[in-house]
Amino acid sequence: MLGYVTADRPELKMREFEVYNGYYCGVCKSIARRYGQLPRMVLSYDAAFLALLIGSLYREEDQPAREHCIIHPIKKKTIVSNEAIDYAADVMLILAWHKLQDDARDEGKLHAKAAAKALKHIYHRLEAARPGLCLRVEKGLQGLTQLEKDKCANLDQAAEAFAKIMEAIFEEGPLPGGFKEQEVLRRIGYHLGKWIYLMDAIDDIDENIESGAYNPLLYRFSYEQGEEDFRGRIMETCEFNLYHYLGEIGRAADLLAIKKNEGIIENIIYKGLLRKTQNMTQKEE
């Protein structure tokens, strides 16, 4: 996950804002408590949404605490702790490990090699704790890497590969006993994965044109070297797809029996993702 899944903060109520940050800080604290300080650098608000969504299906109320933080050592921060937060923290580390592996292998980045080496023992612990998730993510990323090597021009095929990874992440989470809505979470993860993949592809257009790195949009829409308004030419189609994915996410989310933090989740799904989409598609060259 790449940091696109965030709340529309001005629209959150004060208590909702505190709980939202409490989940984010809770993921950070979870990583530090179980794996040490260094891995906390991989944190993003995507993890807070994953934890909030899974945690919302539990009847038990959150029990926030006030704790000091290594980044904010003076003023105590609200911290939420639960099983869903621990799961989201593990997901962040699993994805970070594979990203570092890719950077070290494909781009030869020295810092990536050093960081991957430092995280190696942590990833082995994650493989032991969550073997099914690690295997599904690894296979999904292998398929995605092959599509990139093949310079796949089929946007749906490339997005599908990432969507299946997100599907696994949402489906494998810890759920209440007797939970009957796993299929709904799977659908949310799948369509969110497609949305994230396309958002990232749009975001990286200029950088990928300059570097020559793979971007499915450049192949799908036959970018011509020096083309001045490529982004404008493709944006109508991109917008259609993005809003379709948002619609599917919303329809699936409506089926969930949410027990708590409903306002925050609705804000992220119906306002935060929409705001991100508008900002991305309306960005000027």
Protein backbone atom coordinates (compact mmCIF):
# COMPACT_ATOMS: atom_id res chain seq x y z
CA MET A 1 0.00 0.00 0.00
CA LEU A 2 1.34 3.34 -1.05
CA GLY A 3 -0.14 6.05 1.14
CA TYR A 4 -3.17 6.95 -0.98
CA VAL A 5 -5.79 5.66 1.48
CA THR A 6 -6.34 8.53 3.90
CA ALA A 7 -9.20 10.31 5.60
CA ASP A 8 -10.56 13.68 4.56
CA ARG A 9 -9.33 15.15 7.84
CA PRO A 10 -11.22 18.49 7.83
CA GLU A 11 -14.46 16.48 7.71
CA LEU A 12 -13.64 14.31 10.75
CA LYS A 13 -15.13 15.17 14.12
CA MET A 14 -12.62 15.92 16.89
CA ARG A 15 -13.09 12.54 18.58
CA GLU A 16 -12.92 10.73 15.24
CA PHE A 17 -9.68 12.55 14.42
CA GLU A 18 -8.17 11.41 17.72
CA VAL A 19 -9.24 7.79 17.20
CA TYR A 20 -7.94 7.82 13.62
CA ASN A 21 -4.54 9.04 14.78
CA GLY A 22 -4.73 6.55 17.65
CA TYR A 23 -4.96 3.68 15.17
CA TYR A 24 -2.08 5.08 13.12
CA CYS A 25 0.09 5.52 16.20
CA GLY A 26 -1.08 2.11 17.43
CA VAL A 27 0.35 0.46 14.32
CA CYS A 28 3.63 2.29 14.90
CA LYS A 29 3.74 1.19 18.55
CA SER A 30 2.86 -2.37 17.57
CA ILE A 31 5.84 -2.54 15.22
CA ALA A 32 8.19 -1.08 17.83
CA ARG A 33 6.94 -3.38 20.59
CA ARG A 34 7.35 -6.57 18.61
CA TYR A 35 10.11 -5.84 16.10
CA GLY A 36 12.14 -2.82 17.29
CA GLN A 37 12.45 0.81 16.26
CA LEU A 38 13.93 0.62 12.75
CA PRO A 39 10.96 -1.04 11.01
CA ARG A 40 8.65 1.81 12.10
CA MET A 41 9.89 3.79 9.10
CA VAL A 42 7.57 1.84 6.78
CA LEU A 43 4.38 3.18 8.34
CA SER A 44 1.56 4.78 6.32
CA TYR A 45 -2.07 5.72 6.93
CA ASP A 46 -3.10 2.84 4.66
CA ALA A 47 -2.35 0.61 7.65
CA ALA A 48 -4.66 2.65 9.86
CA PHE A 49 -7.54 2.08 7.43
CA LEU A 50 -6.91 -1.66 7.27
CA ALA A 51 -6.86 -1.86 11.07
CA LEU A 52 -9.94 0.35 11.44
CA LEU A 53 -11.94 -1.70 8.94
CA ILE A 54 -11.14 -5.07 10.49
CA GLY A 55 -11.39 -3.70 14.03
CA SER A 56 -14.82 -2.23 13.31
CA LEU A 57 -16.25 -5.75 13.09
CA TYR A 58 -15.50 -6.45 16.77
CA ARG A 59 -18.06 -5.49 19.42
CA GLU A 60 -15.41 -4.69 22.05
CA GLU A 61 -14.89 -0.96 22.42
CA ASP A 62 -11.45 0.51 21.81
CA GLN A 63 -9.44 1.19 24.96
CA PRO A 64 -7.16 4.10 24.02
CA ALA A 65 -4.12 4.88 26.15
CA ARG A 66 -1.92 7.97 26.36
CA GLU A 67 1.74 7.25 25.76
CA HIS A 68 4.94 9.04 24.87
CA CYS A 69 6.30 8.62 21.34
CA ILE A 70 9.88 8.55 20.08
CA ILE A 71 8.98 11.23 17.52
CA HIS A 72 6.89 13.27 19.97
CA PRO A 73 8.67 12.68 23.30
CA ILE A 74 7.14 15.58 25.26
CA LYS A 75 3.40 15.38 24.66
CA LYS A 76 1.65 12.03 25.07
CA LYS A 77 -0.22 10.63 22.07
CA THR A 78 -3.42 8.58 21.92
CA ILE A 79 -2.61 4.93 21.23
CA VAL A 80 -5.08 2.18 20.33
CA SER A 81 -4.01 -1.47 20.64
CA ASN A 82 -5.83 -4.54 19.33
CA GLU A 83 -5.39 -7.62 17.15
CA ALA A 84 -6.39 -5.79 13.97
CA ILE A 85 -3.66 -3.21 14.57
CA ASP A 86 -1.05 -5.93 15.03
CA TYR A 87 -2.18 -7.49 11.76
CA ALA A 88 -1.96 -4.18 9.89
CA ALA A 89 1.54 -3.67 11.29
CA ASP A 90 2.60 -7.10 10.00
CA VAL A 91 1.15 -6.31 6.56
CA MET A 92 3.20 -3.12 6.36
CA LEU A 93 6.39 -5.02 7.16
CA ILE A 94 5.65 -7.80 4.68
CA LEU A 95 5.10 -5.31 1.87
CA ALA A 96 8.12 -3.24 2.92
CA TRP A 97 10.35 -6.32 2.82
CA HIS A 98 9.35 -7.13 -0.75
CA LYS A 99 9.72 -3.49 -1.84
CA LEU A 100 13.26 -3.40 -0.43
CA GLN A 101 14.06 -6.69 -2.18
CA ASP A 102 12.86 -5.26 -5.49
CA ASP A 103 14.82 -2.03 -5.06
CA ALA A 104 17.98 -3.92 -4.16
CA ARG A 105 17.63 -6.38 -7.04
CA ASP A 106 16.36 -4.16 -9.85
CA GLU A 107 17.91 -0.80 -9.04
CA GLY A 108 20.91 -1.83 -6.99
CA LYS A 109 20.18 0.71 -4.27
CA LEU A 110 22.71 0.31 -1.48
CA HIS A 111 20.36 1.59 1.20
CA ALA A 112 17.74 -0.95 0.09
CA LYS A 113 20.24 -3.79 0.35
CA ALA A 114 21.23 -2.69 3.86
CA ALA A 115 17.63 -2.27 5.00
CA ALA A 116 16.59 -5.63 3.52
CA LYS A 117 19.44 -7.32 5.34
CA ALA A 118 18.35 -5.67 8.60
CA LEU A 119 14.75 -6.82 8.12
CA LYS A 120 15.57 -10.36 7.02
CA HIS A 121 15.15 -11.97 10.44
CA ILE A 122 11.92 -10.05 10.98
CA TYR A 123 10.51 -11.34 7.71
CA HIS A 124 11.35 -14.90 8.72
CA ARG A 125 9.33 -14.33 11.92
CA LEU A 126 6.43 -13.03 9.83
CA GLU A 127 6.60 -16.08 7.56
CA ALA A 128 6.30 -18.29 10.63
CA ALA A 129 3.45 -16.27 12.12
CA ARG A 130 1.45 -15.65 8.92
CA PRO A 131 2.56 -18.26 6.36
CA GLY A 132 -0.60 -18.11 4.26
CA LEU A 133 -0.50 -14.35 3.85
CA CYS A 134 3.24 -14.26 3.10
CA LEU A 135 2.88 -16.96 0.45
CA ARG A 136 -0.07 -15.27 -1.28
CA VAL A 137 1.65 -11.88 -1.29
CA GLU A 138 4.90 -13.37 -2.58
CA LYS A 139 3.19 -15.22 -5.44
CA GLY A 140 1.16 -12.14 -6.33
CA LEU A 141 4.24 -9.94 -6.45
CA GLN A 142 6.07 -12.48 -8.57
CA GLY A 143 3.24 -12.35 -11.10
CA LEU A 144 3.23 -8.56 -11.04
CA THR A 145 6.99 -8.44 -11.54
CA GLN A 146 6.73 -10.72 -14.57
CA LEU A 147 4.06 -8.50 -16.13
CA GLU A 148 6.32 -5.50 -15.64
CA LYS A 149 9.26 -7.32 -17.23
CA ASP A 150 7.03 -8.24 -20.17
CA LYS A 151 5.99 -4.57 -20.53
CA CYS A 152 2.34 -5.60 -20.27
CA ALA A 153 0.13 -3.21 -22.23
CA ASN A 154 -3.11 -4.61 -20.76
CA LEU A 155 -3.99 -2.24 -17.93
CA ASP A 156 -6.69 -4.52 -16.51
CA GLN A 157 -4.28 -7.47 -16.39
CA ALA A 158 -1.60 -5.46 -14.59
CA ALA A 159 -4.10 -3.98 -12.12
CA GLU A 160 -5.60 -7.43 -11.55
CA ALA A 161 -2.27 -8.74 -10.28
CA PHE A 162 -2.04 -6.06 -7.60
CA ALA A 163 -5.75 -6.38 -6.80
CA LYS A 164 -5.25 -10.06 -5.94
CA ILE A 165 -2.51 -9.09 -3.49
CA MET A 166 -4.83 -6.63 -1.77
CA GLU A 167 -7.59 -9.22 -1.84
CA ALA A 168 -5.34 -11.58 0.13
CA ILE A 169 -4.42 -8.86 2.64
CA PHE A 170 -8.04 -8.02 3.44
CA GLU A 171 -9.20 -11.63 3.41
CA GLU A 172 -6.47 -13.00 5.70
CA GLY A 173 -7.06 -10.55 8.56
CA PRO A 174 -8.11 -11.66 12.07
CA LEU A 175 -11.90 -11.72 12.24
CA PRO A 176 -14.40 -12.30 15.07
CA GLY A 177 -15.49 -15.88 15.67
CA GLY A 178 -18.26 -16.97 13.33
CA PHE A 179 -17.71 -14.01 11.07
CA LYS A 180 -19.76 -14.33 7.87
CA GLU A 181 -18.60 -11.33 5.84
CA GLN A 182 -15.11 -12.37 4.77
CA GLU A 183 -16.24 -12.23 1.15
CA VAL A 184 -17.13 -8.56 1.61
CA LEU A 185 -13.66 -7.72 2.88
CA ARG A 186 -12.20 -9.65 -0.03
CA ARG A 187 -14.19 -7.51 -2.47
CA ILE A 188 -13.14 -4.29 -0.77
CA GLY A 189 -9.49 -5.31 -0.92
CA TYR A 190 -9.77 -6.35 -4.57
CA HIS A 191 -11.29 -3.10 -5.84
CA LEU A 192 -9.14 -0.98 -3.55
CA GLY A 193 -6.12 -2.72 -5.05
CA LYS A 194 -7.23 -1.76 -8.56
CA TRP A 195 -7.81 1.82 -7.45
CA ILE A 196 -4.38 2.07 -5.75
CA TYR A 197 -2.58 0.56 -8.75
CA LEU A 198 -4.14 3.00 -11.21
CA MET A 199 -3.62 5.98 -8.88
CA ASP A 200 0.05 5.08 -8.57
CA ALA A 201 0.42 4.67 -12.32
CA ILE A 202 -1.07 8.13 -12.92
CA ASP A 203 1.09 9.63 -10.19
CA ASP A 204 4.27 8.19 -11.73
CA ILE A 205 3.68 9.15 -15.37
CA ASP A 206 6.21 11.99 -15.56
CA GLU A 207 8.84 10.18 -13.50
CA ASN A 208 8.51 7.00 -15.55
CA ILE A 209 8.70 8.87 -18.86
CA GLU A 210 11.95 10.45 -17.70
CA SER A 211 13.48 7.27 -16.26
CA GLY A 212 12.15 4.79 -18.79
CA ALA A 213 10.68 2.62 -16.03
CA TYR A 214 7.62 0.51 -16.75
CA ASN A 215 4.24 2.18 -16.45
CA PRO A 216 1.18 0.34 -17.82
CA LEU A 217 -0.42 3.59 -18.95
CA LEU A 218 2.47 4.40 -21.29
CA TYR A 219 1.99 1.06 -23.06
CA ARG A 220 -1.81 0.87 -22.87
CA PHE A 221 -2.23 4.29 -24.49
CA SER A 222 0.84 4.13 -26.78
CA TYR A 223 2.80 7.08 -25.45
CA GLU A 224 4.85 8.81 -28.16
CA GLN A 225 8.22 10.27 -27.20
CA GLY A 226 7.88 14.00 -26.61
CA GLU A 227 4.07 13.93 -26.51
CA GLU A 228 3.05 17.06 -24.60
CA ASP A 229 -0.49 16.26 -23.45
CA PHE A 230 -0.35 12.51 -22.85
CA ARG A 231 -1.86 12.90 -19.40
CA GLY A 232 -4.78 14.94 -20.74
CA ARG A 233 -5.38 12.45 -23.54
CA ILE A 234 -5.80 9.47 -21.20
CA MET A 235 -7.42 11.08 -18.17
CA GLU A 236 -11.06 10.58 -19.15
CA THR A 237 -10.58 6.83 -19.33
CA CYS A 238 -8.56 6.79 -16.10
CA GLU A 239 -11.24 8.78 -14.29
CA PHE A 240 -13.95 6.39 -15.46
CA ASN A 241 -12.02 3.42 -14.09
CA LEU A 242 -11.14 5.10 -10.80
CA TYR A 243 -14.73 6.11 -10.07
CA HIS A 244 -15.91 2.64 -11.01
CA TYR A 245 -13.54 1.14 -8.44
CA LEU A 246 -14.73 3.62 -5.80
CA GLY A 247 -18.31 2.65 -6.52
CA GLU A 248 -17.53 -1.03 -6.05
CA ILE A 249 -15.69 -0.32 -2.78
CA GLY A 250 -18.65 1.66 -1.49
CA ARG A 251 -21.19 -0.99 -2.48
CA ALA A 252 -19.18 -3.67 -0.70
CA ALA A 253 -18.62 -1.54 2.41
CA ASP A 254 -22.37 -0.97 2.70
CA LEU A 255 -22.75 -4.71 3.35
CA LEU A 256 -20.50 -4.74 6.42
CA ALA A 257 -22.00 -4.97 9.90
CA ILE A 258 -19.83 -2.22 11.37
CA LYS A 259 -19.84 -2.10 15.16
CA LYS A 260 -17.69 0.98 15.85
CA ASN A 261 -15.81 3.86 14.22
CA GLU A 262 -18.35 3.92 11.41
CA GLY A 263 -17.94 7.67 10.88
CA ILE A 264 -14.18 7.37 10.30
CA ILE A 265 -14.56 4.47 7.88
CA GLU A 266 -17.29 6.26 5.93
CA ASN A 267 -15.11 9.37 5.80
CA ILE A 268 -12.19 7.43 4.30
CA ILE A 269 -14.26 5.47 1.78
CA TYR A 270 -16.70 8.17 0.65
CA LYS A 271 -14.66 11.36 1.16
CA GLY A 272 -10.97 10.59 1.54
CA LEU A 273 -10.67 8.31 -1.50
CA LEU A 274 -12.85 10.67 -3.53
CA ARG A 275 -10.72 13.68 -2.60
CA LYS A 276 -7.54 11.80 -3.53
CA THR A 277 -9.06 10.80 -6.86
CA GLN A 278 -10.09 14.36 -7.67
CA ASN A 279 -6.70 15.75 -6.74
CA MET A 280 -4.90 13.16 -8.86
CA THR A 281 -7.04 13.42 -11.99
CA GLN A 282 -7.23 17.20 -11.93
CA LYS A 283 -3.48 17.68 -11.39
CA GLU A 284 -1.94 19.92 -13.97
CA GLU A 285 1.10 18.93 -15.98
